[in-house]
Amino acid sequence: MERKSGSSSTIEVMFEGGWTISFRLHNASSKTEPSLKFDIQFIGIASSVGLHVIDIV
């Protein structure tokens, strides 16, 4: 686990098998509010996981 370079609110966690997940805590507003949001994104997915994309026209 490490802090994302250049960010004070994002950490990236690397797991065995190729998984990497980014976690970010933010308030989504320029003004001070008591509400916080938590974002999670997959950065790296294990090579054993299949991916299928369907184009919608």
PDB file of N, CA and C in Angstrom:
ATOM      1  N   MET A   1       0.851  -1.161   0.000  1.00  0.00           N
ATOM      2  CA  MET A   1       0.000   0.000   0.000  1.00  0.00           C
ATOM      3  C   MET A   1       0.901   1.228   0.000  1.00  0.00           C
ATOM      4  N   GLU A   2       0.572   2.210  -0.846  1.00  0.00           N
ATOM      5  CA  GLU A   2       1.352   3.439  -0.891  1.00  0.00           C
ATOM      6  C   GLU A   2       0.475   4.603  -1.325  1.00  0.00           C
ATOM      7  N   ARG A   3       0.881   5.794  -0.933  1.00  0.00           N
ATOM      8  CA  ARG A   3       0.161   6.993  -1.350  1.00  0.00           C
ATOM      9  C   ARG A   3       0.488   7.269  -2.817  1.00  0.00           C
ATOM     10  N   LYS A   4      -0.540   7.636  -3.584  1.00  0.00           N
ATOM     11  CA  LYS A   4      -0.336   7.954  -4.992  1.00  0.00           C
ATOM     12  C   LYS A   4       0.545   9.200  -5.098  1.00  0.00           C
ATOM     13  N   SER A   5       1.508   9.157  -5.969  1.00  0.00           N
ATOM     14  CA  SER A   5       2.441  10.267  -6.154  1.00  0.00           C
ATOM     15  C   SER A   5       1.696  11.557  -6.496  1.00  0.00           C
ATOM     16  N   GLY A   6       1.962  12.613  -5.740  1.00  0.00           N
ATOM     17  CA  GLY A   6       1.344  13.910  -5.987  1.00  0.00           C
ATOM     18  C   GLY A   6      -0.052  14.073  -5.422  1.00  0.00           C
ATOM     19  N   SER A   7      -0.544  13.103  -4.655  1.00  0.00           N
ATOM     20  CA  SER A   7      -1.897  13.182  -4.098  1.00  0.00           C
ATOM     21  C   SER A   7      -1.860  13.003  -2.585  1.00  0.00           C
ATOM     22  N   SER A   8      -2.683  13.797  -1.893  1.00  0.00           N
ATOM     23  CA  SER A   8      -2.769  13.657  -0.431  1.00  0.00           C
ATOM     24  C   SER A   8      -4.026  12.903  -0.007  1.00  0.00           C
ATOM     25  N   SER A   9      -4.877  12.519  -0.983  1.00  0.00           N
ATOM     26  CA  SER A   9      -6.131  11.857  -0.638  1.00  0.00           C
ATOM     27  C   SER A   9      -6.334  10.506  -1.323  1.00  0.00           C
ATOM     28  N   THR A  10      -5.298   9.990  -2.015  1.00  0.00           N
ATOM     29  CA  THR A  10      -5.428   8.727  -2.752  1.00  0.00           C
ATOM     30  C   THR A  10      -4.330   7.752  -2.352  1.00  0.00           C
ATOM     31  N   ILE A  11      -4.735   6.498  -2.089  1.00  0.00           N
ATOM     32  CA  ILE A  11      -3.761   5.434  -1.868  1.00  0.00           C
ATOM     33  C   ILE A  11      -4.007   4.342  -2.898  1.00  0.00           C
ATOM     34  N   GLU A  12      -2.952   3.633  -3.259  1.00  0.00           N
ATOM     35  CA  GLU A  12      -3.061   2.509  -4.177  1.00  0.00           C
ATOM     36  C   GLU A  12      -2.594   1.258  -3.459  1.00  0.00           C
ATOM     37  N   VAL A  13      -3.380   0.200  -3.582  1.00  0.00           N
ATOM     38  CA  VAL A  13      -3.075  -1.070  -2.927  1.00  0.00           C
ATOM     39  C   VAL A  13      -2.821  -2.115  -4.003  1.00  0.00           C
ATOM     40  N   MET A  14      -1.637  -2.753  -3.947  1.00  0.00           N
ATOM     41  CA  MET A  14      -1.275  -3.784  -4.897  1.00  0.00           C
ATOM     42  C   MET A  14      -1.410  -5.154  -4.223  1.00  0.00           C
ATOM     43  N   PHE A  15      -2.108  -6.069  -4.874  1.00  0.00           N
ATOM     44  CA  PHE A  15      -2.331  -7.414  -4.350  1.00  0.00           C
ATOM     45  C   PHE A  15      -1.588  -8.431  -5.211  1.00  0.00           C
ATOM     46  N   GLU A  16      -1.421  -9.624  -4.674  1.00  0.00           N
ATOM     47  CA  GLU A  16      -0.810 -10.711  -5.442  1.00  0.00           C
ATOM     48  C   GLU A  16      -1.700 -11.055  -6.630  1.00  0.00           C
ATOM     49  N   GLY A  17      -1.099 -11.459  -7.715  1.00  0.00           N
ATOM     50  CA  GLY A  17      -1.859 -11.877  -8.887  1.00  0.00           C
ATOM     51  C   GLY A  17      -2.151 -10.749  -9.858  1.00  0.00           C
ATOM     52  N   GLY A  18      -1.675  -9.536  -9.584  1.00  0.00           N
ATOM     53  CA  GLY A  18      -1.855  -8.445 -10.534  1.00  0.00           C
ATOM     54  C   GLY A  18      -2.954  -7.456 -10.228  1.00  0.00           C
ATOM     55  N   TRP A  19      -3.672  -7.636  -9.129  1.00  0.00           N
ATOM     56  CA  TRP A  19      -4.739  -6.702  -8.776  1.00  0.00           C
ATOM     57  C   TRP A  19      -4.156  -5.428  -8.171  1.00  0.00           C
ATOM     58  N   THR A  20      -4.627  -4.263  -8.636  1.00  0.00           N
ATOM     59  CA  THR A  20      -4.273  -2.974  -8.044  1.00  0.00           C
ATOM     60  C   THR A  20      -5.541  -2.137  -7.951  1.00  0.00           C
ATOM     61  N   ILE A  21      -5.793  -1.598  -6.757  1.00  0.00           N
ATOM     62  CA  ILE A  21      -6.999  -0.813  -6.517  1.00  0.00           C
ATOM     63  C   ILE A  21      -6.600   0.545  -5.959  1.00  0.00           C
ATOM     64  N   SER A  22      -7.253   1.598  -6.450  1.00  0.00           N
ATOM     65  CA  SER A  22      -7.023   2.965  -5.986  1.00  0.00           C
ATOM     66  C   SER A  22      -8.204   3.390  -5.117  1.00  0.00           C
ATOM     67  N   PHE A  23      -7.905   3.947  -3.927  1.00  0.00           N
ATOM     68  CA  PHE A  23      -8.926   4.432  -3.000  1.00  0.00           C
ATOM     69  C   PHE A  23      -8.739   5.937  -2.813  1.00  0.00           C
ATOM     70  N   ARG A  24      -9.815   6.719  -2.953  1.00  0.00           N
ATOM     71  CA  ARG A  24      -9.714   8.164  -2.801  1.00  0.00           C
ATOM     72  C   ARG A  24     -10.839   8.676  -1.911  1.00  0.00           C
ATOM     73  N   LEU A  25     -10.498   9.522  -0.947  1.00  0.00           N
ATOM     74  CA  LEU A  25     -11.457  10.143  -0.046  1.00  0.00           C
ATOM     75  C   LEU A  25     -11.527  11.628  -0.395  1.00  0.00           C
ATOM     76  N   HIS A  26     -12.733  12.148  -0.664  1.00  0.00           N
ATOM     77  CA  HIS A  26     -12.870  13.549  -1.055  1.00  0.00           C
ATOM     78  C   HIS A  26     -14.260  14.056  -0.694  1.00  0.00           C
ATOM     79  N   ASN A  27     -14.442  15.384  -0.798  1.00  0.00           N
ATOM     80  CA  ASN A  27     -15.753  15.952  -0.477  1.00  0.00           C
ATOM     81  C   ASN A  27     -16.523  16.419  -1.714  1.00  0.00           C
ATOM     82  N   ALA A  28     -15.934  16.401  -2.886  1.00  0.00           N
ATOM     83  CA  ALA A  28     -16.594  16.719  -4.162  1.00  0.00           C
ATOM     84  C   ALA A  28     -17.188  18.126  -4.191  1.00  0.00           C
ATOM     85  N   SER A  29     -16.625  19.013  -3.409  1.00  0.00           N
ATOM     86  CA  SER A  29     -17.119  20.386  -3.375  1.00  0.00           C
ATOM     87  C   SER A  29     -15.966  21.326  -3.062  1.00  0.00           C
ATOM     88  N   SER A  30     -16.051  22.547  -3.564  1.00  0.00           N
ATOM     89  CA  SER A  30     -14.993  23.510  -3.280  1.00  0.00           C
ATOM     90  C   SER A  30     -15.189  24.177  -1.918  1.00  0.00           C
ATOM     91  N   LYS A  31     -16.389  24.047  -1.328  1.00  0.00           N
ATOM     92  CA  LYS A  31     -16.620  24.626  -0.006  1.00  0.00           C
ATOM     93  C   LYS A  31     -16.523  23.538   1.068  1.00  0.00           C
ATOM     94  N   THR A  32     -16.287  23.943   2.284  1.00  0.00           N
ATOM     95  CA  THR A  32     -16.144  23.004   3.395  1.00  0.00           C
ATOM     96  C   THR A  32     -17.515  22.466   3.795  1.00  0.00           C
ATOM     97  N   GLU A  33     -17.657  21.147   3.784  1.00  0.00           N
ATOM     98  CA  GLU A  33     -18.910  20.477   4.142  1.00  0.00           C
ATOM     99  C   GLU A  33     -18.594  19.253   4.996  1.00  0.00           C
ATOM    100  N   PRO A  34     -19.553  18.810   5.811  1.00  0.00           N
ATOM    101  CA  PRO A  34     -19.310  17.629   6.649  1.00  0.00           C
ATOM    102  C   PRO A  34     -19.471  16.301   5.896  1.00  0.00           C
ATOM    103  N   SER A  35     -19.769  16.347   4.602  1.00  0.00           N
ATOM    104  CA  SER A  35     -20.008  15.149   3.809  1.00  0.00           C
ATOM    105  C   SER A  35     -18.751  14.737   3.043  1.00  0.00           C
ATOM    106  N   LEU A  36     -18.405  13.442   3.078  1.00  0.00           N
ATOM    107  CA  LEU A  36     -17.256  12.920   2.342  1.00  0.00           C
ATOM    108  C   LEU A  36     -17.700  11.810   1.397  1.00  0.00           C
ATOM    109  N   LYS A  37     -16.958  11.634   0.312  1.00  0.00           N
ATOM    110  CA  LYS A  37     -17.210  10.558  -0.648  1.00  0.00           C
ATOM    111  C   LYS A  37     -15.973   9.673  -0.735  1.00  0.00           C
ATOM    112  N   PHE A  38     -16.204   8.416  -1.052  1.00  0.00           N
ATOM    113  CA  PHE A  38     -15.142   7.425  -1.122  1.00  0.00           C
ATOM    114  C   PHE A  38     -15.190   6.786  -2.500  1.00  0.00           C
ATOM    115  N   ASP A  39     -14.135   6.971  -3.297  1.00  0.00           N
ATOM    116  CA  ASP A  39     -14.070   6.403  -4.645  1.00  0.00           C
ATOM    117  C   ASP A  39     -13.111   5.224  -4.672  1.00  0.00           C
ATOM    118  N   ILE A  40     -13.494   4.172  -5.390  1.00  0.00           N
ATOM    119  CA  ILE A  40     -12.638   3.011  -5.588  1.00  0.00           C
ATOM    120  C   ILE A  40     -12.550   2.750  -7.090  1.00  0.00           C
ATOM    121  N   GLN A  41     -11.317   2.557  -7.596  1.00  0.00           N
ATOM    122  CA  GLN A  41     -11.127   2.245  -9.013  1.00  0.00           C
ATOM    123  C   GLN A  41     -10.146   1.090  -9.144  1.00  0.00           C
ATOM    124  N   PHE A  42     -10.431   0.195 -10.103  1.00  0.00           N
ATOM    125  CA  PHE A  42      -9.486  -0.862 -10.430  1.00  0.00           C
ATOM    126  C   PHE A  42      -8.439  -0.269 -11.366  1.00  0.00           C
ATOM    127  N   ILE A  43      -7.179  -0.344 -10.976  1.00  0.00           N
ATOM    128  CA  ILE A  43      -6.077   0.141 -11.795  1.00  0.00           C
ATOM    129  C   ILE A  43      -5.485  -1.019 -12.598  1.00  0.00           C
ATOM    130  N   GLY A  44      -5.312  -2.162 -11.933  1.00  0.00           N
ATOM    131  CA  GLY A  44      -4.786  -3.354 -12.582  1.00  0.00           C
ATOM    132  C   GLY A  44      -5.656  -4.548 -12.259  1.00  0.00           C
ATOM    133  N   ILE A  45      -5.938  -5.374 -13.263  1.00  0.00           N
ATOM    134  CA  ILE A  45      -6.768  -6.568 -13.085  1.00  0.00           C
ATOM    135  C   ILE A  45      -5.918  -7.793 -13.383  1.00  0.00           C
ATOM    136  N   ALA A  46      -6.089  -8.823 -12.586  1.00  0.00           N
ATOM    137  CA  ALA A  46      -5.317 -10.054 -12.751  1.00  0.00           C
ATOM    138  C   ALA A  46      -5.455 -10.601 -14.166  1.00  0.00           C
ATOM    139  N   SER A  47      -4.365 -11.121 -14.699  1.00  0.00           N
ATOM    140  CA  SER A  47      -4.378 -11.634 -16.068  1.00  0.00           C
ATOM    141  C   SER A  47      -5.284 -12.849 -16.233  1.00  0.00           C
ATOM    142  N   SER A  48      -5.627 -13.512 -15.137  1.00  0.00           N
ATOM    143  CA  SER A  48      -6.490 -14.689 -15.212  1.00  0.00           C
ATOM    144  C   SER A  48      -7.971 -14.326 -15.374  1.00  0.00           C
ATOM    145  N   VAL A  49      -8.305 -13.054 -15.254  1.00  0.00           N
ATOM    146  CA  VAL A  49      -9.692 -12.607 -15.379  1.00  0.00           C
ATOM    147  C   VAL A  49      -9.965 -12.263 -16.834  1.00  0.00           C
ATOM    148  N   GLY A  50     -11.030 -12.802 -17.377  1.00  0.00           N
ATOM    149  CA  GLY A  50     -11.394 -12.512 -18.759  1.00  0.00           C
ATOM    150  C   GLY A  50     -12.175 -11.215 -18.856  1.00  0.00           C
ATOM    151  N   LEU A  51     -12.103 -10.556 -19.986  1.00  0.00           N
ATOM    152  CA  LEU A  51     -12.808  -9.302 -20.201  1.00  0.00           C
ATOM    153  C   LEU A  51     -13.503  -9.364 -21.543  1.00  0.00           C
ATOM    154  N   HIS A  52     -14.789  -9.018 -21.551  1.00  0.00           N
ATOM    155  CA  HIS A  52     -15.544  -9.011 -22.781  1.00  0.00           C
ATOM    156  C   HIS A  52     -16.258  -7.668 -22.894  1.00  0.00           C
ATOM    157  N   VAL A  53     -16.075  -6.992 -23.997  1.00  0.00           N
ATOM    158  CA  VAL A  53     -16.688  -5.674 -24.221  1.00  0.00           C
ATOM    159  C   VAL A  53     -17.709  -5.787 -25.328  1.00  0.00           C
ATOM    160  N   ILE A  54     -18.900  -5.250 -25.072  1.00  0.00           N
ATOM    161  CA  ILE A  54     -19.964  -5.228 -26.081  1.00  0.00           C
ATOM    162  C   ILE A  54     -20.190  -3.779 -26.486  1.00  0.00           C
ATOM    163  N   ASP A  55     -19.977  -3.475 -27.760  1.00  0.00           N
ATOM    164  CA  ASP A  55     -20.199  -2.125 -28.262  1.00  0.00           C
ATOM    165  C   ASP A  55     -21.690  -1.908 -28.480  1.00  0.00           C
ATOM    166  N   ILE A  56     -22.200  -0.810 -27.966  1.00  0.00           N
ATOM    167  CA  ILE A  56     -23.613  -0.449 -28.156  1.00  0.00           C
ATOM    168  C   ILE A  56     -23.647   0.703 -29.150  1.00  0.00           C
ATOM    169  N   VAL A  57     -24.369   0.481 -30.224  1.00  0.00           N
ATOM    170  CA  VAL A  57     -24.394   1.481 -31.297  1.00  0.00           C
ATOM    171  C   VAL A  57     -25.667   2.275 -31.233  1.00  0.00           C
TER     172      VAL A  57
END
